[in-house]
Amino acid sequence: LAQSTTRVANTAYTKTASLTCSVSGTYDVYWDCFRSTTSGTSGSQLYIGGSAYGTANTTFSSNIHAQNNHLTSVQINANQEVAVYVRSRATNYNAYCGQLTIVQTA
C-alpha cells in the first residue's frame, strides 16, 4: 500500500505513487485518482518495471473522487516497481493519485 498526496499541476504524466514488489507473482492492482476541476480531462497511467501497462485513463469526471482503477492478473516480478503516473487538465489545475495497492492472487 502506497499513500500519496503529490499534486500534479501540468499536462505531462508525473509519477505520484509507487511500490516495489518483493515477490514475483500475479497481482490485482488498485489505485484511486482525484482532480480539482469538474471539466476537461485528467488522466492516470499504470507503469510496471518502468513501462506503461494497459491503457491510460483520461476520463476523470468528478472533482471529489474521480476514478477507482482496478486491473486484475497483472504479472509482476520481484524487485519491479509498480507506479502510477498522473496528469492534470492544464497547468493551473491539479490531479492526484491518493492510494496504490497491490494484492497477490497467485
C-alpha atoms as a PDB file:
ATOM      1  CA  LEU A   1       0.000   0.000   0.000  1.00  0.00           C
ATOM      2  CA  ALA A   2       1.341   3.423  -1.001  1.00  0.00           C
ATOM      3  CA  GLN A   3      -0.302   6.686   0.009  1.00  0.00           C
ATOM      4  CA  SER A   4       0.349   9.826  -1.997  1.00  0.00           C
ATOM      5  CA  THR A   5      -0.621  13.472  -1.789  1.00  0.00           C
ATOM      6  CA  THR A   6       1.600  14.539  -4.674  1.00  0.00           C
ATOM      7  CA  ARG A   7      -0.132  17.269  -6.639  1.00  0.00           C
ATOM      8  CA  VAL A   8       0.304  17.280 -10.403  1.00  0.00           C
ATOM      9  CA  ALA A   9      -0.401  20.647 -11.975  1.00  0.00           C
ATOM     10  CA  ASN A  10       0.658  20.074 -15.570  1.00  0.00           C
ATOM     11  CA  THR A  11      -0.372  18.081 -18.631  1.00  0.00           C
ATOM     12  CA  ALA A  12       2.712  15.835 -18.621  1.00  0.00           C
ATOM     13  CA  TYR A  13       2.390  12.492 -16.827  1.00  0.00           C
ATOM     14  CA  THR A  14       4.179  12.647 -13.458  1.00  0.00           C
ATOM     15  CA  LYS A  15       4.898   9.782 -11.062  1.00  0.00           C
ATOM     16  CA  THR A  16       2.809  10.197  -7.913  1.00  0.00           C
ATOM     17  CA  ALA A  17       2.815   6.823  -6.128  1.00  0.00           C
ATOM     18  CA  SER A  18       4.988   3.719  -6.360  1.00  0.00           C
ATOM     19  CA  LEU A  19       5.695   0.391  -4.707  1.00  0.00           C
ATOM     20  CA  THR A  20       8.451  -2.138  -5.241  1.00  0.00           C
ATOM     21  CA  CYS A  21       7.170  -5.686  -5.471  1.00  0.00           C
ATOM     22  CA  SER A  22       9.064  -8.113  -3.220  1.00  0.00           C
ATOM     23  CA  VAL A  23       7.736 -11.418  -4.611  1.00  0.00           C
ATOM     24  CA  SER A  24       7.135 -12.441  -8.223  1.00  0.00           C
ATOM     25  CA  GLY A  25       3.570 -13.430  -8.996  1.00  0.00           C
ATOM     26  CA  THR A  26       0.149 -12.442 -10.253  1.00  0.00           C
ATOM     27  CA  TYR A  27      -1.395  -9.373  -8.636  1.00  0.00           C
ATOM     28  CA  ASP A  28      -4.516  -7.272  -8.611  1.00  0.00           C
ATOM     29  CA  VAL A  29      -3.588  -3.577  -8.733  1.00  0.00           C
ATOM     30  CA  TYR A  30      -5.835  -0.812  -7.385  1.00  0.00           C
ATOM     31  CA  TRP A  31      -5.336   2.953  -7.457  1.00  0.00           C
ATOM     32  CA  ASP A  32      -7.532   5.961  -6.745  1.00  0.00           C
ATOM     33  CA  CYS A  33      -7.244   9.271  -8.569  1.00  0.00           C
ATOM     34  CA  PHE A  34      -8.732  12.672  -7.859  1.00  0.00           C
ATOM     35  CA  ARG A  35      -8.817  16.063  -9.531  1.00  0.00           C
ATOM     36  CA  SER A  36      -9.624  19.657  -8.609  1.00  0.00           C
ATOM     37  CA  THR A  37     -11.867  20.624 -11.522  1.00  0.00           C
ATOM     38  CA  THR A  38     -15.213  19.441 -12.853  1.00  0.00           C
ATOM     39  CA  SER A  39     -14.487  19.864 -16.559  1.00  0.00           C
ATOM     40  CA  GLY A  40     -11.782  18.885 -19.002  1.00  0.00           C
ATOM     41  CA  THR A  41      -9.739  15.697 -18.820  1.00  0.00           C
ATOM     42  CA  SER A  42      -7.125  14.471 -16.417  1.00  0.00           C
ATOM     43  CA  GLY A  43      -5.517  11.064 -16.616  1.00  0.00           C
ATOM     44  CA  SER A  44      -3.610   8.264 -14.967  1.00  0.00           C
ATOM     45  CA  GLN A  45      -1.340   5.535 -16.319  1.00  0.00           C
ATOM     46  CA  LEU A  46      -0.003   2.458 -14.539  1.00  0.00           C
ATOM     47  CA  TYR A  47       3.661   1.569 -15.064  1.00  0.00           C
ATOM     48  CA  ILE A  48       5.222  -1.831 -14.306  1.00  0.00           C
ATOM     49  CA  GLY A  49       9.009  -2.083 -14.309  1.00  0.00           C
ATOM     50  CA  GLY A  50       9.328   1.316 -15.992  1.00  0.00           C
ATOM     51  CA  SER A  51       6.964   0.585 -18.900  1.00  0.00           C
ATOM     52  CA  ALA A  52       3.374   1.709 -19.423  1.00  0.00           C
ATOM     53  CA  TYR A  53       0.922  -1.078 -18.624  1.00  0.00           C
ATOM     54  CA  GLY A  54      -2.564  -1.210 -20.095  1.00  0.00           C
ATOM     55  CA  THR A  55      -4.444   1.807 -21.377  1.00  0.00           C
ATOM     56  CA  ALA A  56      -4.213   5.278 -19.843  1.00  0.00           C
ATOM     57  CA  ASN A  57      -7.368   6.519 -18.141  1.00  0.00           C
ATOM     58  CA  THR A  58      -8.188  10.005 -19.447  1.00  0.00           C
ATOM     59  CA  THR A  59     -11.826  10.412 -18.428  1.00  0.00           C
ATOM     60  CA  PHE A  60     -11.871  11.822 -14.906  1.00  0.00           C
ATOM     61  CA  SER A  61     -15.400  13.213 -14.475  1.00  0.00           C
ATOM     62  CA  SER A  62     -15.672  14.393 -10.865  1.00  0.00           C
ATOM     63  CA  ASN A  63     -13.819  16.810  -8.614  1.00  0.00           C
ATOM     64  CA  ILE A  64     -14.285  14.698  -5.485  1.00  0.00           C
ATOM     65  CA  HIS A  65     -13.397  11.069  -6.207  1.00  0.00           C
ATOM     66  CA  ALA A  66     -12.665  10.757  -9.866  1.00  0.00           C
ATOM     67  CA  GLN A  67     -11.636   7.183 -10.502  1.00  0.00           C
ATOM     68  CA  ASN A  68     -11.277   3.799  -8.828  1.00  0.00           C
ATOM     69  CA  ASN A  69      -8.916   1.860 -11.067  1.00  0.00           C
ATOM     70  CA  HIS A  70      -8.551  -1.916 -10.845  1.00  0.00           C
ATOM     71  CA  LEU A  71      -6.504  -4.235 -13.038  1.00  0.00           C
ATOM     72  CA  THR A  72      -6.525  -7.988 -12.492  1.00  0.00           C
ATOM     73  CA  SER A  73      -3.984 -10.707 -13.307  1.00  0.00           C
ATOM     74  CA  VAL A  74      -1.004  -8.345 -13.573  1.00  0.00           C
ATOM     75  CA  GLN A  75       2.293 -10.242 -13.754  1.00  0.00           C
ATOM     76  CA  ILE A  76       4.907  -8.532 -11.585  1.00  0.00           C
ATOM     77  CA  ASN A  77       8.452  -9.745 -10.973  1.00  0.00           C
ATOM     78  CA  ALA A  78      10.357  -9.411  -7.703  1.00  0.00           C
ATOM     79  CA  ASN A  79      12.041  -6.007  -7.362  1.00  0.00           C
ATOM     80  CA  GLN A  80       9.908  -4.433 -10.103  1.00  0.00           C
ATOM     81  CA  GLU A  81       8.461  -1.018  -9.409  1.00  0.00           C
ATOM     82  CA  VAL A  82       4.709  -0.533  -9.737  1.00  0.00           C
ATOM     83  CA  ALA A  83       3.932   3.160 -10.243  1.00  0.00           C
ATOM     84  CA  VAL A  84       1.024   5.434 -11.042  1.00  0.00           C
ATOM     85  CA  TYR A  85       1.598   8.461 -13.246  1.00  0.00           C
ATOM     86  CA  VAL A  86      -0.997  11.245 -13.252  1.00  0.00           C
ATOM     87  CA  ARG A  87      -1.545  14.306 -15.436  1.00  0.00           C
ATOM     88  CA  SER A  88      -3.833  17.281 -14.959  1.00  0.00           C
ATOM     89  CA  ARG A  89      -6.116  19.102 -17.356  1.00  0.00           C
ATOM     90  CA  ALA A  90      -3.846  22.144 -17.556  1.00  0.00           C
ATOM     91  CA  THR A  91      -1.051  23.857 -15.667  1.00  0.00           C
ATOM     92  CA  ASN A  92      -3.410  25.737 -13.359  1.00  0.00           C
ATOM     93  CA  TYR A  93      -5.401  22.657 -12.294  1.00  0.00           C
ATOM     94  CA  ASN A  94      -4.477  19.780 -10.009  1.00  0.00           C
ATOM     95  CA  ALA A  95      -4.753  15.996 -10.130  1.00  0.00           C
ATOM     96  CA  TYR A  96      -3.693  13.425  -7.540  1.00  0.00           C
ATOM     97  CA  CYS A  97      -3.184   9.715  -7.011  1.00  0.00           C
ATOM     98  CA  GLY A  98      -4.398   9.062  -3.483  1.00  0.00           C
ATOM     99  CA  GLN A  99      -3.592   5.396  -2.967  1.00  0.00           C
ATOM    100  CA  LEU A 100      -1.907   2.489  -4.757  1.00  0.00           C
ATOM    101  CA  THR A 101      -2.418  -1.098  -3.571  1.00  0.00           C
ATOM    102  CA  ILE A 102      -1.162  -4.418  -4.957  1.00  0.00           C
ATOM    103  CA  VAL A 103      -2.630  -7.728  -3.785  1.00  0.00           C
ATOM    104  CA  GLN A 104      -1.002 -11.030  -4.755  1.00  0.00           C
ATOM    105  CA  THR A 105      -3.536 -13.501  -6.161  1.00  0.00           C
ATOM    106  CA  ALA A 106      -1.246 -16.306  -7.417  1.00  0.00           C
END
